Amino acid sequence: MSTNFSIELESREELGSSHSRRLRRQGRVPVVVYGANKKNAYYSADHNSLIHNLEVEAFHSAIIDVKENGKKQGTILREVQMHPYKTQILHVDLLRVRATEQISLRVPLHFEGDEMAPGIKVQGGIFTRLVTDVEIQCLPKDLPEYLTVDISQLEINQAVHLSDVQLPEGVEMTALLHEGDDYAIASISPSKISAEIEEEDEIDEEEVLAVPEAEEESD
């Protein structure tokens, strides 16, 4: 299960782009909290605190506690708008969650066992991550911080797919559940050097087979 985070929010009455710009100059970030059949609520958060949280991988796939009307409310990060070239948060959307309702969220994949994989350790292949995160659905209490993918048995020219990921109890993979799309998420392929050596070996073998047998010398 993922670690819960919490952020301090201050209510704001004024809306609009001019007010949002004023908040940013004060080191605040406009925040909207919505969902759970409640009205949208408008807040601001401390920019520096929020930017530090965003640097933590787990924050993006965690339940984030906020206070609304004096009560703790669980939310998830739904959207973050960043400045095009500055390290500045422009706006954040938080979606309310209910303990009894499933949520859909993208969680990161952590690949383990690459130092033991035959395709790398013995066969000299190159490991490639094709996907860094996947969408899951589960109840808030079952939300994992990340999913572990074991590649310790992977050989060269082999791939690991969505269906190979061991899911915690109560967690389902959205792509498999609704779309049936069991795509590859990582693979081990031959390195460029090993591919060139293999090609040279094939050429040498062809040259040997092409050499005619020497004729016997006559007396």
C-alpha atoms as a PDB file:
ATOM      1  CA  MET A   1       0.000   0.000   0.000  1.00  0.00           C
ATOM      2  CA  SER A   2       1.194   3.500  -0.793  1.00  0.00           C
ATOM      3  CA  THR A   3       2.222   6.018   1.848  1.00  0.00           C
ATOM      4  CA  ASN A   4      -0.266   8.777   2.574  1.00  0.00           C
ATOM      5  CA  PHE A   5       0.872  12.353   2.091  1.00  0.00           C
ATOM      6  CA  SER A   6      -0.755  15.526   3.354  1.00  0.00           C
ATOM      7  CA  ILE A   7      -0.637  19.103   2.146  1.00  0.00           C
ATOM      8  CA  GLU A   8      -1.808  22.307   3.778  1.00  0.00           C
ATOM      9  CA  LEU A   9      -4.374  24.253   1.776  1.00  0.00           C
ATOM     10  CA  GLU A  10      -5.740  27.755   2.238  1.00  0.00           C
ATOM     11  CA  SER A  11      -9.207  28.572   0.984  1.00  0.00           C
ATOM     12  CA  ARG A  12      -9.512  31.260  -1.707  1.00  0.00           C
ATOM     13  CA  GLU A  13     -12.614  33.164  -2.676  1.00  0.00           C
ATOM     14  CA  GLU A  14     -11.314  35.047  -5.690  1.00  0.00           C
ATOM     15  CA  LEU A  15     -10.968  33.239  -9.002  1.00  0.00           C
ATOM     16  CA  GLY A  16      -9.627  34.111 -12.421  1.00  0.00           C
ATOM     17  CA  SER A  17      -6.256  34.426 -14.106  1.00  0.00           C
ATOM     18  CA  SER A  18      -5.319  37.756 -12.496  1.00  0.00           C
ATOM     19  CA  HIS A  19      -5.873  36.342  -9.009  1.00  0.00           C
ATOM     20  CA  SER A  20      -3.897  33.204  -9.925  1.00  0.00           C
ATOM     21  CA  ARG A  21      -0.973  35.348 -11.096  1.00  0.00           C
ATOM     22  CA  ARG A  22      -1.091  37.269  -7.824  1.00  0.00           C
ATOM     23  CA  LEU A  23      -1.000  34.030  -5.845  1.00  0.00           C
ATOM     24  CA  ARG A  24       2.043  32.830  -7.786  1.00  0.00           C
ATOM     25  CA  ARG A  25       3.895  36.061  -7.072  1.00  0.00           C
ATOM     26  CA  GLN A  26       3.227  35.374  -3.379  1.00  0.00           C
ATOM     27  CA  GLY A  27       4.738  31.890  -3.634  1.00  0.00           C
ATOM     28  CA  ARG A  28       1.365  30.129  -3.706  1.00  0.00           C
ATOM     29  CA  VAL A  29      -0.128  27.668  -6.198  1.00  0.00           C
ATOM     30  CA  PRO A  30      -3.821  27.674  -7.210  1.00  0.00           C
ATOM     31  CA  VAL A  31      -5.415  24.317  -6.345  1.00  0.00           C
ATOM     32  CA  VAL A  32      -8.828  22.895  -7.262  1.00  0.00           C
ATOM     33  CA  VAL A  33     -10.337  19.964  -5.332  1.00  0.00           C
ATOM     34  CA  TYR A  34     -13.258  18.240  -7.067  1.00  0.00           C
ATOM     35  CA  GLY A  35     -15.197  14.985  -7.361  1.00  0.00           C
ATOM     36  CA  ALA A  36     -17.122  12.665  -4.996  1.00  0.00           C
ATOM     37  CA  ASN A  37     -20.397  14.376  -5.944  1.00  0.00           C
ATOM     38  CA  LYS A  38     -19.329  17.563  -4.178  1.00  0.00           C
ATOM     39  CA  LYS A  39     -18.883  21.073  -5.484  1.00  0.00           C
ATOM     40  CA  ASN A  40     -15.475  22.182  -6.699  1.00  0.00           C
ATOM     41  CA  ALA A  41     -13.455  23.808  -3.927  1.00  0.00           C
ATOM     42  CA  TYR A  42     -10.742  26.374  -4.568  1.00  0.00           C
ATOM     43  CA  TYR A  43      -7.561  26.630  -2.534  1.00  0.00           C
ATOM     44  CA  SER A  44      -3.916  27.602  -2.689  1.00  0.00           C
ATOM     45  CA  ALA A  45      -0.832  25.714  -1.498  1.00  0.00           C
ATOM     46  CA  ASP A  46       2.717  26.703  -0.660  1.00  0.00           C
ATOM     47  CA  HIS A  47       4.779  26.402  -3.841  1.00  0.00           C
ATOM     48  CA  ASN A  48       8.053  25.264  -2.260  1.00  0.00           C
ATOM     49  CA  SER A  49       6.378  22.563  -0.191  1.00  0.00           C
ATOM     50  CA  LEU A  50       4.450  21.322  -3.205  1.00  0.00           C
ATOM     51  CA  ILE A  51       7.472  21.255  -5.531  1.00  0.00           C
ATOM     52  CA  HIS A  52       9.402  19.152  -2.993  1.00  0.00           C
ATOM     53  CA  ASN A  53       6.513  16.689  -2.833  1.00  0.00           C
ATOM     54  CA  LEU A  54       6.376  16.452  -6.615  1.00  0.00           C
ATOM     55  CA  GLU A  55      10.033  15.408  -6.639  1.00  0.00           C
ATOM     56  CA  VAL A  56       9.066  12.295  -4.642  1.00  0.00           C
ATOM     57  CA  GLU A  57       7.967   9.486  -6.955  1.00  0.00           C
ATOM     58  CA  ALA A  58       5.479   8.069  -4.456  1.00  0.00           C
ATOM     59  CA  PHE A  59       3.603  11.387  -4.247  1.00  0.00           C
ATOM     60  CA  HIS A  60       2.244  10.881  -7.767  1.00  0.00           C
ATOM     61  CA  SER A  61       0.585   7.565  -6.883  1.00  0.00           C
ATOM     62  CA  ALA A  62      -0.497   8.182  -3.298  1.00  0.00           C
ATOM     63  CA  ILE A  63      -3.509   9.234  -1.309  1.00  0.00           C
ATOM     64  CA  ILE A  64      -3.032  12.915  -0.464  1.00  0.00           C
ATOM     65  CA  ASP A  65      -4.868  14.088   2.636  1.00  0.00           C
ATOM     66  CA  VAL A  66      -6.263  17.619   2.689  1.00  0.00           C
ATOM     67  CA  LYS A  67      -8.610  19.386   5.098  1.00  0.00           C
ATOM     68  CA  GLU A  68     -12.024  20.498   3.913  1.00  0.00           C
ATOM     69  CA  ASN A  69     -14.388  22.163   6.396  1.00  0.00           C
ATOM     70  CA  GLY A  70     -12.200  20.922   9.228  1.00  0.00           C
ATOM     71  CA  LYS A  71     -12.393  17.290   8.087  1.00  0.00           C
ATOM     72  CA  LYS A  72      -9.683  15.186   6.480  1.00  0.00           C
ATOM     73  CA  GLN A  73     -10.388  14.323   2.862  1.00  0.00           C
ATOM     74  CA  GLY A  74      -8.435  11.829   0.798  1.00  0.00           C
ATOM     75  CA  THR A  75      -7.499  12.946  -2.718  1.00  0.00           C
ATOM     76  CA  ILE A  76      -5.256  11.878  -5.566  1.00  0.00           C
ATOM     77  CA  LEU A  77      -3.169  14.019  -7.866  1.00  0.00           C
ATOM     78  CA  ARG A  78      -5.072  14.342 -11.128  1.00  0.00           C
ATOM     79  CA  GLU A  79      -3.254  17.104 -13.019  1.00  0.00           C
ATOM     80  CA  VAL A  80      -0.236  19.357 -12.571  1.00  0.00           C
ATOM     81  CA  GLN A  81       0.400  22.293 -14.881  1.00  0.00           C
ATOM     82  CA  MET A  82       4.035  23.385 -15.038  1.00  0.00           C
ATOM     83  CA  HIS A  83       5.616  26.506 -16.521  1.00  0.00           C
ATOM     84  CA  PRO A  84       7.024  25.761 -20.021  1.00  0.00           C
ATOM     85  CA  TYR A  85      10.631  26.460 -19.051  1.00  0.00           C
ATOM     86  CA  LYS A  86      10.745  27.430 -15.365  1.00  0.00           C
ATOM     87  CA  THR A  87      10.639  25.087 -12.389  1.00  0.00           C
ATOM     88  CA  GLN A  88       7.315  26.546 -11.393  1.00  0.00           C
ATOM     89  CA  ILE A  89       3.949  24.942 -10.713  1.00  0.00           C
ATOM     90  CA  LEU A  90       1.125  26.897 -12.306  1.00  0.00           C
ATOM     91  CA  HIS A  91      -1.901  24.900 -11.178  1.00  0.00           C
ATOM     92  CA  VAL A  92      -2.857  21.625  -9.454  1.00  0.00           C
ATOM     93  CA  ASP A  93      -6.046  19.545  -9.626  1.00  0.00           C
ATOM     94  CA  LEU A  94      -6.858  17.085  -6.831  1.00  0.00           C
ATOM     95  CA  LEU A  95      -9.612  14.476  -7.144  1.00  0.00           C
ATOM     96  CA  ARG A  96     -11.515  13.446  -4.028  1.00  0.00           C
ATOM     97  CA  VAL A  97     -11.673   9.723  -3.316  1.00  0.00           C
ATOM     98  CA  ARG A  98     -14.105   7.616  -1.328  1.00  0.00           C
ATOM     99  CA  ALA A  99     -13.052   4.564   0.677  1.00  0.00           C
ATOM    100  CA  THR A 100     -15.743   2.409  -0.966  1.00  0.00           C
ATOM    101  CA  GLU A 101     -15.189   3.488  -4.573  1.00  0.00           C
ATOM    102  CA  GLN A 102     -12.457   2.267  -6.897  1.00  0.00           C
ATOM    103  CA  ILE A 103      -9.985   4.750  -8.308  1.00  0.00           C
ATOM    104  CA  SER A 104      -7.916   4.645 -11.483  1.00  0.00           C
ATOM    105  CA  LEU A 105      -4.345   5.872 -11.268  1.00  0.00           C
ATOM    106  CA  ARG A 106      -1.014   5.383 -13.008  1.00  0.00           C
ATOM    107  CA  VAL A 107       1.672   3.827 -10.804  1.00  0.00           C
ATOM    108  CA  PRO A 108       5.388   3.388 -11.588  1.00  0.00           C
ATOM    109  CA  LEU A 109       7.041   0.082 -12.473  1.00  0.00           C
ATOM    110  CA  HIS A 110      10.176  -0.973 -10.598  1.00  0.00           C
ATOM    111  CA  PHE A 111      12.226  -3.572 -12.477  1.00  0.00           C
ATOM    112  CA  GLU A 112      14.272  -5.961 -10.348  1.00  0.00           C
ATOM    113  CA  GLY A 113      16.649  -8.842 -11.026  1.00  0.00           C
ATOM    114  CA  ASP A 114      18.551  -7.373 -13.985  1.00  0.00           C
ATOM    115  CA  GLU A 115      21.888  -8.371 -12.395  1.00  0.00           C
ATOM    116  CA  MET A 116      20.744 -12.022 -12.486  1.00  0.00           C
ATOM    117  CA  ALA A 117      18.968 -12.113 -15.855  1.00  0.00           C
ATOM    118  CA  PRO A 118      20.675 -14.652 -18.181  1.00  0.00           C
ATOM    119  CA  GLY A 119      20.040 -12.390 -21.148  1.00  0.00           C
ATOM    120  CA  ILE A 120      22.273  -9.738 -19.563  1.00  0.00           C
ATOM    121  CA  LYS A 121      24.665 -11.636 -17.292  1.00  0.00           C
ATOM    122  CA  VAL A 122      25.474 -14.535 -19.645  1.00  0.00           C
ATOM    123  CA  GLN A 123      24.370 -13.487 -23.124  1.00  0.00           C
ATOM    124  CA  GLY A 124      25.464  -9.839 -22.980  1.00  0.00           C
ATOM    125  CA  GLY A 125      22.111  -8.358 -23.975  1.00  0.00           C
ATOM    126  CA  ILE A 126      20.778  -4.859 -23.388  1.00  0.00           C
ATOM    127  CA  PHE A 127      17.819  -4.300 -21.069  1.00  0.00           C
ATOM    128  CA  THR A 128      15.233  -1.795 -22.326  1.00  0.00           C
ATOM    129  CA  ARG A 129      12.304  -0.360 -20.388  1.00  0.00           C
ATOM    130  CA  LEU A 130       9.460   0.038 -22.838  1.00  0.00           C
ATOM    131  CA  VAL A 131       6.998   1.343 -20.235  1.00  0.00           C
ATOM    132  CA  THR A 132       7.684   3.258 -17.013  1.00  0.00           C
ATOM    133  CA  ASP A 133       4.187   3.213 -15.484  1.00  0.00           C
ATOM    134  CA  VAL A 134       0.800   1.569 -15.945  1.00  0.00           C
ATOM    135  CA  GLU A 135      -2.782   2.386 -15.074  1.00  0.00           C
ATOM    136  CA  ILE A 136      -4.421   0.327 -12.348  1.00  0.00           C
ATOM    137  CA  GLN A 137      -7.725   0.414 -10.540  1.00  0.00           C
ATOM    138  CA  CYS A 138      -8.417  -0.470  -6.934  1.00  0.00           C
ATOM    139  CA  LEU A 139      -9.918   0.784  -3.703  1.00  0.00           C
ATOM    140  CA  PRO A 140      -7.944   3.595  -2.034  1.00  0.00           C
ATOM    141  CA  LYS A 141      -6.809   1.263   0.771  1.00  0.00           C
ATOM    142  CA  ASP A 142      -5.236  -1.121  -1.768  1.00  0.00           C
ATOM    143  CA  LEU A 143      -3.354   1.517  -3.766  1.00  0.00           C
ATOM    144  CA  PRO A 144       0.289   0.390  -4.188  1.00  0.00           C
ATOM    145  CA  GLU A 145       3.165   2.846  -4.246  1.00  0.00           C
ATOM    146  CA  TYR A 146       4.622   0.980  -7.227  1.00  0.00           C
ATOM    147  CA  LEU A 147       4.529  -2.410  -8.959  1.00  0.00           C
ATOM    148  CA  THR A 148       7.548  -4.718  -8.920  1.00  0.00           C
ATOM    149  CA  VAL A 149       8.517  -6.507 -12.125  1.00  0.00           C
ATOM    150  CA  ASP A 150      10.897  -9.481 -11.834  1.00  0.00           C
ATOM    151  CA  ILE A 151      13.156  -9.886 -14.873  1.00  0.00           C
ATOM    152  CA  SER A 152      15.681 -12.272 -13.258  1.00  0.00           C
ATOM    153  CA  GLN A 153      14.724 -15.133 -15.620  1.00  0.00           C
ATOM    154  CA  LEU A 154      14.619 -13.093 -18.810  1.00  0.00           C
ATOM    155  CA  GLU A 155      16.847 -14.256 -21.674  1.00  0.00           C
ATOM    156  CA  ILE A 156      18.024 -12.432 -24.764  1.00  0.00           C
ATOM    157  CA  ASN A 157      15.298 -11.649 -27.318  1.00  0.00           C
ATOM    158  CA  GLN A 158      12.642 -12.152 -24.648  1.00  0.00           C
ATOM    159  CA  ALA A 159      10.172  -9.623 -23.245  1.00  0.00           C
ATOM    160  CA  VAL A 160       8.060  -9.263 -20.133  1.00  0.00           C
ATOM    161  CA  HIS A 161       4.390  -8.363 -20.605  1.00  0.00           C
ATOM    162  CA  LEU A 162       1.646  -6.807 -18.509  1.00  0.00           C
ATOM    163  CA  SER A 163       0.281 -10.227 -17.602  1.00  0.00           C
ATOM    164  CA  ASP A 164       3.666 -11.163 -16.101  1.00  0.00           C
ATOM    165  CA  VAL A 165       3.374  -8.500 -13.388  1.00  0.00           C
ATOM    166  CA  GLN A 166       2.374  -9.836  -9.979  1.00  0.00           C
ATOM    167  CA  LEU A 167      -0.441  -7.603  -8.715  1.00  0.00           C
ATOM    168  CA  PRO A 168      -1.238  -7.045  -5.035  1.00  0.00           C
ATOM    169  CA  GLU A 169      -4.603  -8.266  -3.801  1.00  0.00           C
ATOM    170  CA  GLY A 170      -7.436  -5.993  -4.854  1.00  0.00           C
ATOM    171  CA  VAL A 171      -5.482  -4.377  -7.708  1.00  0.00           C
ATOM    172  CA  GLU A 172      -6.363  -4.820 -11.382  1.00  0.00           C
ATOM    173  CA  MET A 173      -4.556  -3.715 -14.532  1.00  0.00           C
ATOM    174  CA  THR A 174      -6.833  -1.440 -16.554  1.00  0.00           C
ATOM    175  CA  ALA A 175      -5.408  -2.413 -19.961  1.00  0.00           C
ATOM    176  CA  LEU A 176      -5.926  -6.133 -19.295  1.00  0.00           C
ATOM    177  CA  LEU A 177      -9.320  -5.681 -17.683  1.00  0.00           C
ATOM    178  CA  HIS A 178     -11.022  -3.575 -20.332  1.00  0.00           C
ATOM    179  CA  GLU A 179      -8.856  -3.670 -23.433  1.00  0.00           C
ATOM    180  CA  GLY A 180      -7.196  -7.098 -23.260  1.00  0.00           C
ATOM    181  CA  ASP A 181      -4.003  -5.469 -24.486  1.00  0.00           C
ATOM    182  CA  ASP A 182      -1.154  -7.551 -23.058  1.00  0.00           C
ATOM    183  CA  TYR A 183       1.671  -5.420 -24.431  1.00  0.00           C
ATOM    184  CA  ALA A 184       5.389  -5.740 -23.668  1.00  0.00           C
ATOM    185  CA  ILE A 185       6.753  -3.499 -20.916  1.00  0.00           C
ATOM    186  CA  ALA A 186      10.453  -4.437 -21.073  1.00  0.00           C
ATOM    187  CA  SER A 187      12.803  -6.573 -23.154  1.00  0.00           C
ATOM    188  CA  ILE A 188      16.371  -7.791 -23.507  1.00  0.00           C
ATOM    189  CA  SER A 189      17.859  -7.432 -26.970  1.00  0.00           C
ATOM    190  CA  PRO A 190      21.314  -8.186 -28.416  1.00  0.00           C
ATOM    191  CA  SER A 191      23.863  -5.424 -28.013  1.00  0.00           C
ATOM    192  CA  LYS A 192      25.242  -3.814 -31.178  1.00  0.00           C
ATOM    193  CA  ILE A 193      28.682  -5.365 -30.596  1.00  0.00           C
ATOM    194  CA  SER A 194      27.362  -8.892 -30.068  1.00  0.00           C
ATOM    195  CA  ALA A 195      25.142  -8.543 -33.147  1.00  0.00           C
ATOM    196  CA  GLU A 196      28.153  -7.477 -35.249  1.00  0.00           C
ATOM    197  CA  ILE A 197      30.249 -10.411 -33.959  1.00  0.00           C
ATOM    198  CA  GLU A 198      27.453 -12.829 -34.776  1.00  0.00           C
ATOM    199  CA  GLU A 199      27.175 -11.368 -38.274  1.00  0.00           C
ATOM    200  CA  GLU A 200      30.943 -11.695 -38.802  1.00  0.00           C
ATOM    201  CA  ASP A 201      30.838 -15.338 -37.652  1.00  0.00           C
ATOM    202  CA  GLU A 202      28.102 -16.061 -40.178  1.00  0.00           C
ATOM    203  CA  ILE A 203      30.128 -14.415 -42.973  1.00  0.00           C
ATOM    204  CA  ASP A 204      33.268 -16.386 -42.036  1.00  0.00           C
ATOM    205  CA  GLU A 205      31.309 -19.638 -42.067  1.00  0.00           C
ATOM    206  CA  GLU A 206      29.905 -18.856 -45.504  1.00  0.00           C
ATOM    207  CA  GLU A 207      33.427 -18.130 -46.825  1.00  0.00           C
ATOM    208  CA  VAL A 208      34.743 -21.449 -45.504  1.00  0.00           C
ATOM    209  CA  LEU A 209      31.900 -23.353 -47.153  1.00  0.00           C
ATOM    210  CA  ALA A 210      32.511 -21.507 -50.411  1.00  0.00           C
ATOM    211  CA  VAL A 211      36.244 -22.508 -50.677  1.00  0.00           C
ATOM    212  CA  PRO A 212      36.615 -25.369 -53.280  1.00  0.00           C
ATOM    213  CA  GLU A 213      38.501 -28.509 -52.305  1.00  0.00           C
ATOM    214  CA  ALA A 214      42.113 -28.605 -53.487  1.00  0.00           C
ATOM    215  CA  GLU A 215      42.703 -30.798 -56.556  1.00  0.00           C
ATOM    216  CA  GLU A 216      45.083 -33.739 -56.195  1.00  0.00           C
ATOM    217  CA  GLU A 217      48.455 -33.232 -57.908  1.00  0.00           C
ATOM    218  CA  SER A 218      49.141 -35.629 -60.782  1.00  0.00           C
ATOM    219  CA  ASP A 219      52.398 -37.591 -60.900  1.00  0.00           C
END
